N, C-alpha and C. Protein backbone atom coordinates (compact mmCIF):
# COMPACT_ATOMS: atom_id res chain seq x y z
N MET A 1 -19.71 -20.87 8.31
CA MET A 1 -19.58 -19.46 7.97
C MET A 1 -20.91 -18.98 7.40
N LYS A 2 -21.38 -17.84 7.91
CA LYS A 2 -22.65 -17.31 7.44
C LYS A 2 -22.52 -16.87 5.99
N GLU A 3 -23.66 -16.87 5.29
CA GLU A 3 -23.66 -16.51 3.87
C GLU A 3 -23.16 -15.08 3.65
N LYS A 4 -23.58 -14.16 4.54
CA LYS A 4 -23.15 -12.76 4.41
C LYS A 4 -21.64 -12.64 4.59
N ASN A 5 -21.09 -13.37 5.57
CA ASN A 5 -19.64 -13.35 5.79
C ASN A 5 -18.89 -13.95 4.61
N LEU A 6 -19.43 -15.01 4.03
CA LEU A 6 -18.80 -15.64 2.88
C LEU A 6 -18.77 -14.69 1.69
N LYS A 7 -19.87 -13.98 1.46
CA LYS A 7 -19.91 -12.99 0.37
C LYS A 7 -18.89 -11.88 0.60
N THR A 8 -18.80 -11.42 1.83
CA THR A 8 -17.84 -10.37 2.18
C THR A 8 -16.41 -10.86 1.96
N TYR A 9 -16.14 -12.05 2.41
CA TYR A 9 -14.80 -12.63 2.25
C TYR A 9 -14.44 -12.76 0.78
N ILE A 10 -15.36 -13.28 -0.02
CA ILE A 10 -15.11 -13.46 -1.46
C ILE A 10 -14.94 -12.11 -2.14
N TRP A 11 -15.78 -11.14 -1.78
CA TRP A 11 -15.68 -9.79 -2.35
C TRP A 11 -14.30 -9.19 -2.08
N ASN A 12 -13.85 -9.24 -0.83
CA ASN A 12 -12.55 -8.68 -0.47
C ASN A 12 -11.40 -9.46 -1.10
N LEU A 13 -11.55 -10.76 -1.22
CA LEU A 13 -10.52 -11.58 -1.85
C LEU A 13 -10.37 -11.23 -3.34
N VAL A 14 -11.50 -11.08 -4.02
CA VAL A 14 -11.48 -10.73 -5.45
C VAL A 14 -10.87 -9.34 -5.64
N LEU A 15 -11.28 -8.38 -4.81
CA LEU A 15 -10.71 -7.04 -4.92
C LEU A 15 -9.21 -7.04 -4.62
N SER A 16 -8.81 -7.81 -3.63
CA SER A 16 -7.38 -7.89 -3.30
C SER A 16 -6.58 -8.48 -4.45
N ALA A 17 -7.13 -9.50 -5.09
CA ALA A 17 -6.46 -10.10 -6.26
C ALA A 17 -6.36 -9.08 -7.39
N MET A 18 -7.41 -8.28 -7.56
CA MET A 18 -7.37 -7.24 -8.59
C MET A 18 -6.29 -6.20 -8.28
N PHE A 19 -6.21 -5.77 -7.02
CA PHE A 19 -5.18 -4.81 -6.63
C PHE A 19 -3.78 -5.41 -6.79
N MET A 20 -3.64 -6.69 -6.51
CA MET A 20 -2.36 -7.38 -6.70
C MET A 20 -1.98 -7.36 -8.18
N ALA A 21 -2.94 -7.66 -9.05
CA ALA A 21 -2.68 -7.66 -10.50
C ALA A 21 -2.31 -6.26 -10.98
N ILE A 22 -3.01 -5.25 -10.49
CA ILE A 22 -2.69 -3.87 -10.87
C ILE A 22 -1.28 -3.52 -10.41
N GLY A 23 -0.93 -3.95 -9.20
CA GLY A 23 0.42 -3.68 -8.68
C GLY A 23 1.51 -4.38 -9.47
N LEU A 24 1.19 -5.52 -10.05
CA LEU A 24 2.17 -6.22 -10.88
C LEU A 24 2.36 -5.52 -12.23
N VAL A 25 1.30 -4.92 -12.74
CA VAL A 25 1.34 -4.34 -14.09
C VAL A 25 1.80 -2.88 -14.08
N LEU A 26 1.41 -2.09 -13.09
CA LEU A 26 1.73 -0.66 -13.08
C LEU A 26 3.21 -0.33 -13.28
N PRO A 27 4.16 -1.05 -12.68
CA PRO A 27 5.56 -0.70 -12.91
C PRO A 27 6.01 -0.80 -14.36
N PHE A 28 5.28 -1.53 -15.19
CA PHE A 28 5.64 -1.57 -16.61
C PHE A 28 5.47 -0.21 -17.27
N PHE A 29 4.59 0.62 -16.71
CA PHE A 29 4.40 1.96 -17.27
C PHE A 29 5.56 2.89 -16.95
N THR A 30 6.37 2.54 -15.98
CA THR A 30 7.58 3.32 -15.71
C THR A 30 8.76 2.75 -16.48
N GLY A 31 8.50 1.77 -17.33
CA GLY A 31 9.54 1.23 -18.19
C GLY A 31 10.55 0.37 -17.48
N GLN A 32 10.19 -0.17 -16.28
CA GLN A 32 11.11 -1.01 -15.51
C GLN A 32 12.42 -0.28 -15.20
N ILE A 33 12.40 1.04 -15.21
CA ILE A 33 13.58 1.82 -14.87
C ILE A 33 13.51 2.14 -13.39
N PRO A 34 14.41 1.59 -12.58
CA PRO A 34 14.31 1.76 -11.13
C PRO A 34 14.27 3.22 -10.66
N GLN A 35 15.00 4.11 -11.34
CA GLN A 35 15.01 5.52 -10.92
C GLN A 35 13.63 6.15 -11.06
N ILE A 36 12.95 5.86 -12.17
CA ILE A 36 11.61 6.41 -12.38
C ILE A 36 10.62 5.73 -11.42
N GLY A 37 10.77 4.43 -11.24
CA GLY A 37 9.91 3.70 -10.32
C GLY A 37 10.03 4.21 -8.89
N SER A 38 11.26 4.55 -8.46
CA SER A 38 11.44 5.05 -7.09
C SER A 38 10.93 6.48 -6.95
N MET A 39 10.73 7.17 -8.07
CA MET A 39 10.15 8.51 -8.02
C MET A 39 8.63 8.46 -8.03
N LEU A 40 8.02 7.59 -8.85
CA LEU A 40 6.57 7.56 -8.99
C LEU A 40 5.88 6.55 -8.08
N LEU A 41 6.61 5.57 -7.57
CA LEU A 41 6.09 4.59 -6.62
C LEU A 41 4.81 3.91 -7.13
N PRO A 42 4.86 3.26 -8.30
CA PRO A 42 3.62 2.73 -8.88
C PRO A 42 2.99 1.58 -8.10
N MET A 43 3.77 0.80 -7.37
CA MET A 43 3.18 -0.32 -6.62
C MET A 43 2.48 0.14 -5.35
N HIS A 44 2.76 1.34 -4.89
CA HIS A 44 2.16 1.83 -3.66
C HIS A 44 0.67 2.15 -3.84
N LEU A 45 0.30 2.61 -5.03
CA LEU A 45 -1.09 3.02 -5.28
C LEU A 45 -2.10 1.90 -5.02
N PRO A 46 -1.94 0.72 -5.64
CA PRO A 46 -2.94 -0.32 -5.38
C PRO A 46 -2.92 -0.85 -3.95
N VAL A 47 -1.77 -0.80 -3.29
CA VAL A 47 -1.70 -1.28 -1.91
C VAL A 47 -2.48 -0.33 -0.99
N LEU A 48 -2.29 0.96 -1.17
CA LEU A 48 -3.04 1.93 -0.37
C LEU A 48 -4.53 1.82 -0.63
N LEU A 49 -4.91 1.69 -1.90
CA LEU A 49 -6.33 1.54 -2.24
C LEU A 49 -6.91 0.26 -1.65
N CYS A 50 -6.15 -0.81 -1.68
CA CYS A 50 -6.60 -2.08 -1.11
C CYS A 50 -6.85 -1.94 0.38
N GLY A 51 -5.94 -1.30 1.09
CA GLY A 51 -6.12 -1.10 2.52
C GLY A 51 -7.34 -0.24 2.82
N LEU A 52 -7.55 0.80 2.02
CA LEU A 52 -8.68 1.70 2.25
C LEU A 52 -10.02 1.04 1.92
N ILE A 53 -10.06 0.25 0.86
CA ILE A 53 -11.32 -0.32 0.40
C ILE A 53 -11.62 -1.67 1.06
N CYS A 54 -10.64 -2.55 1.11
CA CYS A 54 -10.88 -3.91 1.61
C CYS A 54 -10.62 -4.05 3.11
N GLY A 55 -9.80 -3.19 3.66
CA GLY A 55 -9.49 -3.28 5.08
C GLY A 55 -8.00 -3.50 5.31
N TRP A 56 -7.60 -3.28 6.54
CA TRP A 56 -6.17 -3.31 6.85
C TRP A 56 -5.55 -4.68 6.67
N GLN A 57 -6.32 -5.77 6.92
CA GLN A 57 -5.75 -7.11 6.81
C GLN A 57 -5.37 -7.40 5.35
N TYR A 58 -6.28 -7.09 4.45
CA TYR A 58 -6.04 -7.35 3.03
C TYR A 58 -4.95 -6.42 2.49
N GLY A 59 -4.98 -5.14 2.90
CA GLY A 59 -3.95 -4.20 2.47
C GLY A 59 -2.57 -4.63 2.92
N GLY A 60 -2.49 -5.16 4.15
CA GLY A 60 -1.19 -5.62 4.67
C GLY A 60 -0.66 -6.81 3.91
N VAL A 61 -1.53 -7.77 3.61
CA VAL A 61 -1.10 -8.98 2.89
C VAL A 61 -0.70 -8.63 1.46
N VAL A 62 -1.53 -7.85 0.77
CA VAL A 62 -1.21 -7.45 -0.60
C VAL A 62 0.10 -6.66 -0.62
N GLY A 63 0.27 -5.75 0.34
CA GLY A 63 1.49 -4.96 0.40
C GLY A 63 2.73 -5.80 0.62
N PHE A 64 2.63 -6.81 1.48
CA PHE A 64 3.81 -7.64 1.76
C PHE A 64 4.14 -8.56 0.59
N VAL A 65 3.12 -9.16 -0.01
CA VAL A 65 3.34 -10.16 -1.06
C VAL A 65 3.73 -9.52 -2.40
N LEU A 66 3.20 -8.35 -2.69
CA LEU A 66 3.38 -7.74 -4.02
C LEU A 66 4.84 -7.60 -4.46
N PRO A 67 5.74 -6.97 -3.69
CA PRO A 67 7.13 -6.84 -4.17
C PRO A 67 7.83 -8.20 -4.29
N LEU A 68 7.50 -9.13 -3.39
CA LEU A 68 8.13 -10.45 -3.45
C LEU A 68 7.66 -11.22 -4.69
N LEU A 69 6.36 -11.16 -4.96
CA LEU A 69 5.81 -11.82 -6.14
C LEU A 69 6.33 -11.18 -7.42
N ARG A 70 6.46 -9.87 -7.40
CA ARG A 70 6.97 -9.16 -8.58
C ARG A 70 8.43 -9.56 -8.84
N TYR A 71 9.20 -9.75 -7.79
CA TYR A 71 10.58 -10.21 -7.97
C TYR A 71 10.61 -11.61 -8.56
N VAL A 72 9.78 -12.51 -8.04
CA VAL A 72 9.75 -13.89 -8.53
C VAL A 72 9.34 -13.93 -10.01
N MET A 73 8.37 -13.10 -10.38
CA MET A 73 7.86 -13.12 -11.75
C MET A 73 8.74 -12.36 -12.75
N PHE A 74 9.25 -11.19 -12.33
CA PHE A 74 9.91 -10.30 -13.29
C PHE A 74 11.34 -9.92 -12.91
N GLY A 75 11.81 -10.33 -11.74
CA GLY A 75 13.18 -10.01 -11.34
C GLY A 75 13.35 -8.60 -10.79
N MET A 76 12.28 -7.87 -10.62
CA MET A 76 12.33 -6.51 -10.08
C MET A 76 11.28 -6.38 -8.99
N PRO A 77 11.49 -5.66 -7.96
CA PRO A 77 12.73 -5.03 -7.52
C PRO A 77 13.71 -6.09 -7.00
N PRO A 78 15.00 -5.77 -7.01
CA PRO A 78 15.98 -6.73 -6.47
C PRO A 78 15.57 -7.14 -5.06
N ILE A 79 15.65 -8.40 -4.76
CA ILE A 79 15.09 -8.91 -3.51
C ILE A 79 15.84 -8.43 -2.27
N PHE A 80 17.15 -8.30 -2.36
CA PHE A 80 17.91 -7.89 -1.18
C PHE A 80 18.73 -6.66 -1.47
N PRO A 81 18.59 -5.63 -0.73
CA PRO A 81 17.69 -5.38 0.39
C PRO A 81 16.39 -4.69 -0.03
N THR A 82 16.33 -4.22 -1.29
CA THR A 82 15.21 -3.40 -1.73
C THR A 82 13.87 -4.11 -1.63
N GLY A 83 13.76 -5.30 -2.17
CA GLY A 83 12.48 -6.01 -2.20
C GLY A 83 11.97 -6.36 -0.81
N LEU A 84 12.86 -6.82 0.06
CA LEU A 84 12.44 -7.15 1.43
C LEU A 84 12.01 -5.91 2.19
N ALA A 85 12.75 -4.83 2.05
CA ALA A 85 12.38 -3.59 2.74
C ALA A 85 11.06 -3.06 2.19
N MET A 86 10.86 -3.17 0.87
CA MET A 86 9.59 -2.73 0.28
C MET A 86 8.43 -3.57 0.77
N ALA A 87 8.64 -4.85 0.97
CA ALA A 87 7.57 -5.73 1.44
C ALA A 87 7.06 -5.26 2.80
N PHE A 88 7.96 -4.97 3.71
CA PHE A 88 7.54 -4.49 5.03
C PHE A 88 6.95 -3.08 4.95
N GLU A 89 7.56 -2.23 4.13
CA GLU A 89 7.06 -0.86 3.97
C GLU A 89 5.63 -0.86 3.42
N MET A 90 5.40 -1.62 2.37
CA MET A 90 4.09 -1.61 1.73
C MET A 90 3.05 -2.33 2.58
N ALA A 91 3.46 -3.33 3.34
CA ALA A 91 2.53 -3.95 4.29
C ALA A 91 2.09 -2.91 5.32
N ALA A 92 3.03 -2.11 5.79
CA ALA A 92 2.69 -1.05 6.74
C ALA A 92 1.75 -0.03 6.10
N TYR A 93 1.98 0.33 4.84
CA TYR A 93 1.08 1.27 4.15
C TYR A 93 -0.35 0.74 4.15
N GLY A 94 -0.52 -0.48 3.69
CA GLY A 94 -1.86 -1.05 3.59
C GLY A 94 -2.53 -1.19 4.94
N MET A 95 -1.78 -1.62 5.94
CA MET A 95 -2.35 -1.83 7.27
C MET A 95 -2.70 -0.51 7.94
N ILE A 96 -1.78 0.44 7.91
CA ILE A 96 -2.02 1.72 8.60
C ILE A 96 -3.15 2.49 7.92
N ALA A 97 -3.10 2.60 6.60
CA ALA A 97 -4.15 3.35 5.89
C ALA A 97 -5.51 2.72 6.12
N GLY A 98 -5.58 1.41 6.02
CA GLY A 98 -6.86 0.72 6.19
C GLY A 98 -7.40 0.83 7.61
N ALA A 99 -6.55 0.65 8.59
CA ALA A 99 -7.00 0.71 9.99
C ALA A 99 -7.44 2.11 10.38
N LEU A 100 -6.65 3.12 10.01
CA LEU A 100 -7.01 4.49 10.38
C LEU A 100 -8.30 4.94 9.69
N TYR A 101 -8.44 4.60 8.42
CA TYR A 101 -9.63 5.03 7.67
C TYR A 101 -10.87 4.31 8.20
N LYS A 102 -10.74 3.05 8.51
CA LYS A 102 -11.88 2.28 9.02
C LYS A 102 -12.35 2.82 10.37
N HIS A 103 -11.41 3.22 11.22
CA HIS A 103 -11.75 3.66 12.57
C HIS A 103 -11.97 5.17 12.67
N SER A 104 -11.98 5.86 11.53
CA SER A 104 -12.28 7.29 11.56
C SER A 104 -13.75 7.49 11.89
N LYS A 105 -14.01 8.54 12.64
CA LYS A 105 -15.41 8.82 13.02
C LYS A 105 -16.25 9.07 11.77
N TRP A 106 -15.73 9.85 10.86
CA TRP A 106 -16.38 10.09 9.57
C TRP A 106 -15.41 9.67 8.48
N GLN A 107 -15.89 8.92 7.54
CA GLN A 107 -15.03 8.51 6.43
C GLN A 107 -15.22 9.50 5.29
N CYS A 108 -14.53 10.63 5.45
CA CYS A 108 -14.62 11.73 4.50
C CYS A 108 -13.23 11.98 3.92
N VAL A 109 -13.13 13.03 3.12
CA VAL A 109 -11.85 13.33 2.46
C VAL A 109 -10.79 13.71 3.49
N VAL A 110 -11.18 14.40 4.54
CA VAL A 110 -10.21 14.78 5.58
C VAL A 110 -9.65 13.52 6.25
N ALA A 111 -10.53 12.58 6.58
CA ALA A 111 -10.08 11.31 7.19
C ALA A 111 -9.20 10.53 6.22
N LEU A 112 -9.54 10.60 4.94
CA LEU A 112 -8.76 9.92 3.91
C LEU A 112 -7.34 10.49 3.84
N TYR A 113 -7.22 11.82 3.80
CA TYR A 113 -5.90 12.45 3.76
C TYR A 113 -5.11 12.17 5.03
N ARG A 114 -5.78 12.21 6.16
CA ARG A 114 -5.11 11.92 7.43
C ARG A 114 -4.56 10.49 7.41
N SER A 115 -5.39 9.56 6.96
CA SER A 115 -4.96 8.15 6.89
C SER A 115 -3.79 7.98 5.93
N LEU A 116 -3.88 8.63 4.78
CA LEU A 116 -2.80 8.52 3.79
C LEU A 116 -1.49 9.09 4.32
N LEU A 117 -1.55 10.28 4.88
CA LEU A 117 -0.32 10.92 5.35
C LEU A 117 0.34 10.13 6.48
N ILE A 118 -0.46 9.67 7.43
CA ILE A 118 0.10 8.88 8.53
C ILE A 118 0.66 7.56 8.00
N ALA A 119 -0.05 6.93 7.05
CA ALA A 119 0.44 5.68 6.46
C ALA A 119 1.75 5.90 5.71
N MET A 120 1.85 7.01 4.99
CA MET A 120 3.08 7.30 4.25
C MET A 120 4.26 7.49 5.19
N VAL A 121 4.06 8.21 6.26
CA VAL A 121 5.15 8.42 7.22
C VAL A 121 5.48 7.11 7.93
N GLY A 122 4.44 6.40 8.38
CA GLY A 122 4.66 5.13 9.07
C GLY A 122 5.36 4.10 8.20
N GLY A 123 4.94 4.00 6.94
CA GLY A 123 5.57 3.06 6.01
C GLY A 123 7.03 3.38 5.76
N ARG A 124 7.33 4.67 5.66
CA ARG A 124 8.71 5.07 5.43
C ARG A 124 9.58 4.80 6.67
N ILE A 125 9.01 4.97 7.85
CA ILE A 125 9.75 4.65 9.07
C ILE A 125 10.03 3.15 9.13
N VAL A 126 9.03 2.34 8.78
CA VAL A 126 9.23 0.88 8.75
C VAL A 126 10.31 0.54 7.72
N TRP A 127 10.24 1.16 6.54
CA TRP A 127 11.26 0.93 5.50
C TRP A 127 12.66 1.25 6.03
N GLY A 128 12.79 2.41 6.70
CA GLY A 128 14.08 2.80 7.25
C GLY A 128 14.60 1.81 8.28
N ALA A 129 13.71 1.35 9.16
CA ALA A 129 14.11 0.40 10.19
C ALA A 129 14.55 -0.93 9.58
N VAL A 130 13.81 -1.40 8.58
CA VAL A 130 14.18 -2.66 7.92
C VAL A 130 15.49 -2.49 7.16
N MET A 131 15.69 -1.35 6.53
CA MET A 131 16.95 -1.10 5.81
C MET A 131 18.13 -1.07 6.77
N VAL A 132 17.95 -0.52 7.95
CA VAL A 132 19.03 -0.50 8.96
C VAL A 132 19.39 -1.93 9.33
N VAL A 133 18.38 -2.78 9.57
CA VAL A 133 18.63 -4.17 9.94
C VAL A 133 19.31 -4.92 8.79
N LEU A 134 18.76 -4.77 7.58
CA LEU A 134 19.33 -5.49 6.43
C LEU A 134 20.72 -4.98 6.08
N SER A 135 20.96 -3.69 6.24
CA SER A 135 22.30 -3.16 6.00
C SER A 135 23.29 -3.67 7.03
N GLY A 136 22.84 -3.79 8.27
CA GLY A 136 23.70 -4.35 9.32
C GLY A 136 24.05 -5.80 9.05
N VAL A 137 23.08 -6.55 8.53
CA VAL A 137 23.32 -7.97 8.20
C VAL A 137 24.33 -8.08 7.06
N SER A 138 24.21 -7.19 6.08
CA SER A 138 25.11 -7.27 4.91
C SER A 138 26.42 -6.52 5.12
N GLY A 139 26.54 -5.80 6.24
CA GLY A 139 27.79 -5.10 6.53
C GLY A 139 27.91 -3.76 5.83
N GLN A 140 26.81 -3.23 5.31
CA GLN A 140 26.84 -1.92 4.65
C GLN A 140 26.26 -0.88 5.59
N ALA A 141 26.65 0.36 5.35
CA ALA A 141 26.16 1.45 6.19
C ALA A 141 24.87 2.02 5.59
N PHE A 142 23.90 2.27 6.44
CA PHE A 142 22.66 2.94 6.02
C PHE A 142 22.58 4.21 6.85
N THR A 143 22.92 5.32 6.23
CA THR A 143 23.04 6.59 6.95
C THR A 143 21.71 7.34 6.96
N TRP A 144 21.68 8.37 7.78
CA TRP A 144 20.51 9.25 7.87
C TRP A 144 20.26 9.91 6.51
N GLN A 145 21.32 10.28 5.81
CA GLN A 145 21.19 10.91 4.50
C GLN A 145 20.55 9.96 3.49
N LEU A 146 20.92 8.68 3.53
CA LEU A 146 20.31 7.69 2.64
C LEU A 146 18.82 7.51 2.96
N PHE A 147 18.49 7.55 4.24
CA PHE A 147 17.09 7.42 4.64
C PHE A 147 16.26 8.60 4.12
N ILE A 148 16.72 9.80 4.37
CA ILE A 148 15.99 11.00 3.93
C ILE A 148 15.87 11.03 2.42
N SER A 149 16.94 10.70 1.73
CA SER A 149 16.93 10.69 0.26
C SER A 149 15.97 9.64 -0.28
N GLY A 150 16.08 8.41 0.23
CA GLY A 150 15.25 7.32 -0.28
C GLY A 150 13.80 7.42 0.12
N ALA A 151 13.55 7.90 1.33
CA ALA A 151 12.18 7.92 1.84
C ALA A 151 11.40 9.16 1.42
N PHE A 152 12.08 10.28 1.26
CA PHE A 152 11.34 11.51 1.03
C PHE A 152 11.76 12.27 -0.22
N LEU A 153 13.04 12.58 -0.37
CA LEU A 153 13.46 13.45 -1.47
C LEU A 153 13.21 12.84 -2.84
N THR A 154 13.63 11.61 -3.03
CA THR A 154 13.44 10.94 -4.31
C THR A 154 11.96 10.66 -4.57
N ALA A 155 11.19 10.44 -3.53
CA ALA A 155 9.81 10.00 -3.66
C ALA A 155 8.79 11.14 -3.77
N VAL A 156 9.21 12.40 -3.82
CA VAL A 156 8.27 13.52 -3.86
C VAL A 156 7.26 13.40 -5.00
N PRO A 157 7.66 13.08 -6.24
CA PRO A 157 6.65 12.93 -7.29
C PRO A 157 5.62 11.84 -6.99
N GLY A 158 6.07 10.73 -6.42
CA GLY A 158 5.16 9.65 -6.07
C GLY A 158 4.22 10.03 -4.93
N ILE A 159 4.73 10.78 -3.97
CA ILE A 159 3.90 11.24 -2.86
C ILE A 159 2.80 12.16 -3.38
N ILE A 160 3.17 13.08 -4.26
CA ILE A 160 2.18 13.98 -4.86
C ILE A 160 1.15 13.19 -5.66
N LEU A 161 1.62 12.22 -6.44
CA LEU A 161 0.72 11.37 -7.22
C LEU A 161 -0.27 10.64 -6.30
N GLN A 162 0.21 10.09 -5.20
CA GLN A 162 -0.66 9.38 -4.27
C GLN A 162 -1.68 10.33 -3.64
N LEU A 163 -1.25 11.53 -3.27
CA LEU A 163 -2.15 12.48 -2.61
C LEU A 163 -3.19 13.06 -3.56
N VAL A 164 -2.95 12.99 -4.86
CA VAL A 164 -3.93 13.47 -5.85
C VAL A 164 -4.79 12.31 -6.35
N PHE A 165 -4.15 11.21 -6.72
CA PHE A 165 -4.84 10.11 -7.39
C PHE A 165 -5.76 9.31 -6.44
N ILE A 166 -5.27 8.94 -5.28
CA ILE A 166 -6.04 8.07 -4.38
C ILE A 166 -7.33 8.74 -3.91
N PRO A 167 -7.30 10.00 -3.44
CA PRO A 167 -8.58 10.63 -3.08
C PRO A 167 -9.54 10.75 -4.27
N ALA A 168 -9.01 11.04 -5.46
CA ALA A 168 -9.87 11.13 -6.64
C ALA A 168 -10.54 9.79 -6.93
N VAL A 169 -9.79 8.70 -6.82
CA VAL A 169 -10.36 7.37 -7.05
C VAL A 169 -11.39 7.04 -5.97
N MET A 170 -11.08 7.35 -4.72
CA MET A 170 -12.00 7.05 -3.62
C MET A 170 -13.30 7.85 -3.76
N VAL A 171 -13.22 9.11 -4.16
CA VAL A 171 -14.43 9.92 -4.36
C VAL A 171 -15.24 9.35 -5.51
N ALA A 172 -14.57 8.97 -6.61
CA ALA A 172 -15.28 8.38 -7.76
C ALA A 172 -15.95 7.07 -7.36
N LEU A 173 -15.25 6.24 -6.62
CA LEU A 173 -15.83 4.97 -6.18
C LEU A 173 -16.97 5.19 -5.19
N ASP A 174 -16.86 6.22 -4.36
CA ASP A 174 -17.93 6.53 -3.42
C ASP A 174 -19.20 6.95 -4.17
N ARG A 175 -19.03 7.67 -5.25
CA ARG A 175 -20.19 8.09 -6.05
C ARG A 175 -20.85 6.91 -6.74
N THR A 176 -20.08 5.89 -7.08
CA THR A 176 -20.67 4.72 -7.73
C THR A 176 -21.28 3.76 -6.71
N GLY A 177 -20.98 3.96 -5.44
CA GLY A 177 -21.52 3.10 -4.39
C GLY A 177 -20.60 1.97 -3.99
N MET A 178 -19.47 1.80 -4.67
CA MET A 178 -18.58 0.69 -4.36
C MET A 178 -17.96 0.83 -2.97
N VAL A 179 -17.55 2.03 -2.62
CA VAL A 179 -16.91 2.23 -1.32
C VAL A 179 -17.94 2.02 -0.20
N ARG A 180 -19.17 2.48 -0.41
CA ARG A 180 -20.21 2.25 0.60
C ARG A 180 -20.45 0.76 0.79
N PHE A 181 -20.44 0.01 -0.31
CA PHE A 181 -20.61 -1.45 -0.20
C PHE A 181 -19.45 -2.07 0.56
N ALA A 182 -18.24 -1.62 0.26
CA ALA A 182 -17.06 -2.15 0.96
C ALA A 182 -17.13 -1.84 2.44
N ARG A 183 -17.60 -0.63 2.80
CA ARG A 183 -17.73 -0.27 4.21
C ARG A 183 -18.74 -1.17 4.91
N LYS A 184 -19.85 -1.46 4.22
CA LYS A 184 -20.86 -2.34 4.81
C LYS A 184 -20.29 -3.73 5.03
N THR A 185 -19.50 -4.22 4.08
CA THR A 185 -18.94 -5.56 4.24
C THR A 185 -17.92 -5.58 5.38
N GLN A 186 -17.18 -4.49 5.55
CA GLN A 186 -16.25 -4.43 6.68
C GLN A 186 -16.99 -4.39 8.00
N ALA A 187 -18.12 -3.68 8.03
CA ALA A 187 -18.92 -3.62 9.26
C ALA A 187 -19.46 -4.99 9.62
N VAL A 188 -19.86 -5.76 8.59
CA VAL A 188 -20.35 -7.13 8.83
C VAL A 188 -19.24 -7.98 9.42
N GLN A 189 -18.02 -7.84 8.85
CA GLN A 189 -16.89 -8.61 9.37
C GLN A 189 -16.58 -8.26 10.80
N ALA A 190 -16.63 -6.95 11.11
CA ALA A 190 -16.27 -6.50 12.45
C ALA A 190 -17.29 -6.96 13.49
N SER A 191 -18.55 -7.06 13.08
CA SER A 191 -19.58 -7.45 14.05
C SER A 191 -19.57 -8.94 14.36
N ASN A 192 -18.92 -9.75 13.50
CA ASN A 192 -18.90 -11.21 13.74
C ASN A 192 -17.58 -11.68 14.28
């Protein structure tokens, strides 16, 4: 492995671990109350940032592992069906946001919002599909009303938080040069 590739790999691994740690800690600010957590979606923020900064592969892995690890460590979110559905949903968030942002012609605020919005819709569709499968396995009904309520109506405060907070963080990181460095490391990975 070339030295430049090794540095890139280590950089992305360290950042991914940091985003994982942030995702483990953020739900404590909602007081471990599931109703508030489902409104503010605190674990989604670091997963989306990980996908945007480190790339879709890292965002997908962090997104999938985070709810499962949080369940093992703290017992929340309940593993079936919520935790499993969240694992697939958040993996989709990290992968979609990272892939779309990386392949944007210009990595600007417009591309960032486009990536975020498409990732949010795609992740919620994945969540709905997984919930249908898991509900079928458990013999419970998962209706269209439950999907709309769980994916959109309850999550409006979290969606607004994501659309305000993530671009602000990305702009701040871009000014410090961190995002430019991450883009260069992704370009090195893609060329090899």
